[in-house]
Every structure is written in structure tokens, then in C-alpha cells.
Amino acid sequence: MYTVADLPARGDLNAPAQQITNAAGTPVAGAYYIQNAYKDAKTPNMVCVVLADYRSTDTMGELIVVFAGAIGCFFVLRRKRS
């Protein structure tokens, strides 16, 4: 409860998450995604741009892990008992 009381109000434009640069003066990645998503990928859906274009290697790695787990479950459940 103590931590929640210190959170900025919802929609506060001065909140740290809404800033273009952080306290160190470097650009915030989220601001770049919001400003350049359509220009970079020509896709109106920002979530698809972030997952498919900006983080495609990471997303592919996650898909490989899930696929490997599914194949492992398939072979374990497929075994015939003697």
C-alpha cells in the first residue's frame, strides 16, 4: 500500500514512463517505439510492430522454446506402456 501511494496518477503526463528522455538524459525506448512504429514498419498496430519487427529475434526464441516443449510433451504422452 505504501508503494502504491507513491505511484503517479493515471494519465499523468509528467510521470517518468511518459518522458522522452530519462533522468540520465538518454532516450527512453518506449518513446522511440511510439514515435517511429508506423514509419519503420508501415503497420498501424503498434503491438504487432514491437513484437514482429523490433523484437522478432526474441519472439522467435520464445516460439522455439514453446515448440520444443510441445514436441517433448507429445513424445512423452505418445509412449506406449508395456
N, C-alpha and C. Protein backbone atom coordinates (compact mmCIF):
# COMPACT_ATOMS: atom_id res chain seq x y z
N MET A 1 0.83 -1.19 0.00
CA MET A 1 0.00 0.00 0.00
C MET A 1 0.87 1.25 0.00
N TYR A 2 2.00 1.16 0.69
CA TYR A 2 2.89 2.31 0.75
C TYR A 2 3.46 2.64 -0.63
N THR A 3 3.81 1.59 -1.38
CA THR A 3 4.36 1.80 -2.71
C THR A 3 3.32 2.33 -3.67
N VAL A 4 2.12 1.81 -3.60
CA VAL A 4 1.05 2.24 -4.49
C VAL A 4 0.72 3.72 -4.27
N ALA A 5 0.84 4.19 -3.04
CA ALA A 5 0.54 5.59 -2.75
C ALA A 5 1.53 6.52 -3.45
N ASP A 6 2.74 6.05 -3.74
CA ASP A 6 3.75 6.89 -4.38
C ASP A 6 3.70 6.84 -5.90
N LEU A 7 2.85 6.00 -6.48
CA LEU A 7 2.75 5.93 -7.93
C LEU A 7 2.12 7.21 -8.48
N PRO A 8 2.52 7.62 -9.70
CA PRO A 8 1.89 8.80 -10.29
C PRO A 8 0.44 8.50 -10.68
N ALA A 9 -0.35 9.54 -10.78
CA ALA A 9 -1.76 9.38 -11.16
C ALA A 9 -1.85 8.83 -12.57
N ARG A 10 -2.90 8.10 -12.83
CA ARG A 10 -3.10 7.53 -14.17
C ARG A 10 -3.28 8.65 -15.19
N GLY A 11 -2.52 8.57 -16.27
CA GLY A 11 -2.59 9.59 -17.31
C GLY A 11 -1.75 10.82 -17.05
N ASP A 12 -0.94 10.80 -16.00
CA ASP A 12 -0.08 11.95 -15.67
C ASP A 12 1.01 12.09 -16.73
N LEU A 13 1.02 13.21 -17.43
CA LEU A 13 1.99 13.42 -18.50
C LEU A 13 3.40 13.68 -17.96
N ASN A 14 3.52 13.99 -16.69
CA ASN A 14 4.84 14.22 -16.10
C ASN A 14 5.41 12.97 -15.44
N ALA A 15 4.72 11.84 -15.54
CA ALA A 15 5.21 10.59 -14.96
C ALA A 15 6.47 10.14 -15.69
N PRO A 16 7.39 9.44 -15.02
CA PRO A 16 8.63 9.00 -15.68
C PRO A 16 8.39 8.13 -16.90
N ALA A 17 7.34 7.33 -16.91
CA ALA A 17 7.07 6.46 -18.05
C ALA A 17 6.64 7.24 -19.29
N GLN A 18 6.18 8.48 -19.11
CA GLN A 18 5.70 9.29 -20.22
C GLN A 18 6.78 10.20 -20.81
N GLN A 19 7.96 10.20 -20.25
CA GLN A 19 9.02 11.10 -20.69
C GLN A 19 9.73 10.56 -21.93
N ILE A 20 10.27 11.44 -22.72
CA ILE A 20 11.02 11.05 -23.91
C ILE A 20 12.47 10.73 -23.54
N THR A 21 13.00 11.41 -22.54
CA THR A 21 14.34 11.10 -22.05
C THR A 21 14.25 10.76 -20.57
N ASN A 22 15.15 9.90 -20.11
CA ASN A 22 15.13 9.52 -18.70
C ASN A 22 15.98 10.50 -17.88
N ALA A 23 16.15 10.22 -16.59
CA ALA A 23 16.87 11.12 -15.70
C ALA A 23 18.34 11.27 -16.10
N ALA A 24 18.90 10.27 -16.76
CA ALA A 24 20.30 10.34 -17.20
C ALA A 24 20.45 11.10 -18.51
N GLY A 25 19.34 11.45 -19.15
CA GLY A 25 19.40 12.21 -20.39
C GLY A 25 19.40 11.36 -21.65
N THR A 26 19.29 10.05 -21.50
CA THR A 26 19.25 9.17 -22.67
C THR A 26 17.81 8.93 -23.09
N PRO A 27 17.56 8.67 -24.37
CA PRO A 27 16.18 8.46 -24.83
C PRO A 27 15.58 7.18 -24.25
N VAL A 28 14.31 7.23 -23.99
CA VAL A 28 13.55 6.08 -23.49
C VAL A 28 13.10 5.25 -24.70
N ALA A 29 13.27 3.93 -24.63
CA ALA A 29 12.93 3.07 -25.77
C ALA A 29 11.45 3.16 -26.12
N GLY A 30 10.58 3.21 -25.14
CA GLY A 30 9.15 3.28 -25.41
C GLY A 30 8.77 4.48 -26.23
N ALA A 31 9.43 5.61 -25.99
CA ALA A 31 9.14 6.82 -26.76
C ALA A 31 9.54 6.62 -28.22
N TYR A 32 10.65 5.95 -28.46
CA TYR A 32 11.06 5.68 -29.85
C TYR A 32 10.03 4.78 -30.54
N TYR A 33 9.57 3.74 -29.85
CA TYR A 33 8.58 2.84 -30.45
C TYR A 33 7.31 3.59 -30.81
N ILE A 34 6.85 4.43 -29.92
CA ILE A 34 5.60 5.16 -30.17
C ILE A 34 5.76 6.13 -31.33
N GLN A 35 6.88 6.83 -31.39
CA GLN A 35 7.07 7.85 -32.42
C GLN A 35 7.39 7.26 -33.79
N ASN A 36 8.04 6.11 -33.85
CA ASN A 36 8.53 5.60 -35.12
C ASN A 36 7.93 4.28 -35.58
N ALA A 37 6.95 3.75 -34.87
CA ALA A 37 6.41 2.44 -35.22
C ALA A 37 5.83 2.42 -36.63
N TYR A 38 5.01 3.39 -36.96
CA TYR A 38 4.40 3.39 -38.29
C TYR A 38 5.43 3.69 -39.37
N LYS A 39 6.35 4.61 -39.11
CA LYS A 39 7.36 4.96 -40.12
C LYS A 39 8.28 3.78 -40.42
N ASP A 40 8.64 3.00 -39.40
CA ASP A 40 9.57 1.90 -39.59
C ASP A 40 8.94 0.69 -40.28
N ALA A 41 7.68 0.38 -39.95
CA ALA A 41 7.10 -0.87 -40.43
C ALA A 41 5.87 -0.70 -41.32
N LYS A 42 5.34 0.51 -41.41
CA LYS A 42 4.13 0.76 -42.21
C LYS A 42 2.97 -0.12 -41.75
N THR A 43 2.90 -0.36 -40.43
CA THR A 43 1.82 -1.15 -39.84
C THR A 43 1.13 -0.30 -38.78
N PRO A 44 -0.19 -0.14 -38.84
CA PRO A 44 -0.87 0.73 -37.88
C PRO A 44 -0.96 0.14 -36.47
N ASN A 45 -0.79 -1.16 -36.32
CA ASN A 45 -0.89 -1.78 -35.00
C ASN A 45 0.48 -1.78 -34.33
N MET A 46 0.63 -0.95 -33.30
CA MET A 46 1.93 -0.78 -32.65
C MET A 46 2.39 -2.05 -31.93
N VAL A 47 1.47 -2.83 -31.39
CA VAL A 47 1.85 -4.07 -30.70
C VAL A 47 2.48 -5.05 -31.68
N CYS A 48 1.90 -5.18 -32.85
CA CYS A 48 2.47 -6.07 -33.88
C CYS A 48 3.85 -5.59 -34.33
N VAL A 49 4.02 -4.29 -34.44
CA VAL A 49 5.32 -3.76 -34.85
C VAL A 49 6.38 -4.09 -33.81
N VAL A 50 6.06 -3.91 -32.53
CA VAL A 50 7.05 -4.18 -31.48
C VAL A 50 7.38 -5.67 -31.43
N LEU A 51 6.37 -6.53 -31.48
CA LEU A 51 6.62 -7.97 -31.38
C LEU A 51 7.23 -8.56 -32.64
N ALA A 52 6.75 -8.15 -33.80
CA ALA A 52 7.20 -8.78 -35.04
C ALA A 52 8.42 -8.12 -35.66
N ASP A 53 8.60 -6.82 -35.48
CA ASP A 53 9.73 -6.15 -36.11
C ASP A 53 10.87 -5.85 -35.14
N TYR A 54 10.56 -5.14 -34.07
CA TYR A 54 11.62 -4.74 -33.15
C TYR A 54 12.16 -5.90 -32.33
N ARG A 55 11.29 -6.81 -31.91
CA ARG A 55 11.71 -7.91 -31.05
C ARG A 55 11.57 -9.25 -31.73
N SER A 56 11.74 -9.31 -33.02
CA SER A 56 11.48 -10.54 -33.76
C SER A 56 12.41 -11.68 -33.35
N THR A 57 13.67 -11.38 -33.09
CA THR A 57 14.60 -12.44 -32.68
C THR A 57 14.21 -13.02 -31.33
N ASP A 58 13.84 -12.16 -30.40
CA ASP A 58 13.41 -12.62 -29.08
C ASP A 58 12.12 -13.43 -29.19
N THR A 59 11.18 -12.95 -30.00
CA THR A 59 9.91 -13.66 -30.17
C THR A 59 10.14 -15.01 -30.83
N MET A 60 11.06 -15.08 -31.78
CA MET A 60 11.37 -16.36 -32.43
C MET A 60 11.97 -17.32 -31.42
N GLY A 61 12.83 -16.83 -30.54
CA GLY A 61 13.40 -17.68 -29.50
C GLY A 61 12.34 -18.23 -28.58
N GLU A 62 11.38 -17.39 -28.20
CA GLU A 62 10.28 -17.86 -27.35
C GLU A 62 9.44 -18.91 -28.07
N LEU A 63 9.20 -18.71 -29.35
CA LEU A 63 8.43 -19.69 -30.11
C LEU A 63 9.15 -21.02 -30.20
N ILE A 64 10.46 -20.99 -30.35
CA ILE A 64 11.24 -22.24 -30.41
C ILE A 64 11.14 -22.98 -29.08
N VAL A 65 11.22 -22.26 -27.96
CA VAL A 65 11.12 -22.91 -26.65
C VAL A 65 9.75 -23.53 -26.46
N VAL A 66 8.69 -22.82 -26.82
CA VAL A 66 7.34 -23.36 -26.68
C VAL A 66 7.15 -24.56 -27.60
N PHE A 67 7.65 -24.48 -28.83
CA PHE A 67 7.55 -25.60 -29.77
C PHE A 67 8.30 -26.82 -29.25
N ALA A 68 9.50 -26.63 -28.72
CA ALA A 68 10.28 -27.75 -28.17
C ALA A 68 9.55 -28.39 -27.00
N GLY A 69 8.94 -27.58 -26.15
CA GLY A 69 8.17 -28.13 -25.03
C GLY A 69 6.96 -28.92 -25.51
N ALA A 70 6.28 -28.41 -26.54
CA ALA A 70 5.11 -29.12 -27.07
C ALA A 70 5.52 -30.45 -27.71
N ILE A 71 6.62 -30.46 -28.44
CA ILE A 71 7.10 -31.71 -29.04
C ILE A 71 7.50 -32.70 -27.95
N GLY A 72 8.16 -32.21 -26.90
CA GLY A 72 8.53 -33.09 -25.78
C GLY A 72 7.32 -33.70 -25.12
N CYS A 73 6.29 -32.88 -24.88
CA CYS A 73 5.04 -33.40 -24.29
C CYS A 73 4.39 -34.41 -25.23
N PHE A 74 4.40 -34.15 -26.51
CA PHE A 74 3.81 -35.06 -27.47
C PHE A 74 4.48 -36.44 -27.39
N PHE A 75 5.80 -36.47 -27.37
CA PHE A 75 6.50 -37.75 -27.34
C PHE A 75 6.35 -38.47 -26.01
N VAL A 76 6.28 -37.71 -24.91
CA VAL A 76 6.08 -38.35 -23.60
C VAL A 76 4.68 -38.95 -23.51
N LEU A 77 3.70 -38.24 -23.97
CA LEU A 77 2.32 -38.74 -23.90
C LEU A 77 2.04 -39.81 -24.95
N ARG A 78 2.82 -39.88 -25.99
CA ARG A 78 2.62 -40.83 -27.07
C ARG A 78 3.20 -42.20 -26.75
N ARG A 79 4.12 -42.27 -25.77
CA ARG A 79 4.78 -43.54 -25.44
C ARG A 79 3.76 -44.61 -25.10
N LYS A 80 4.00 -45.80 -25.59
CA LYS A 80 3.12 -46.93 -25.26
C LYS A 80 3.66 -47.63 -24.03
N ARG A 81 2.76 -47.93 -23.15
CA ARG A 81 3.17 -48.64 -21.92
C ARG A 81 3.24 -50.14 -22.17
N SER A 82 4.21 -50.79 -21.60
CA SER A 82 4.34 -52.22 -21.79
C SER A 82 3.45 -52.98 -20.83
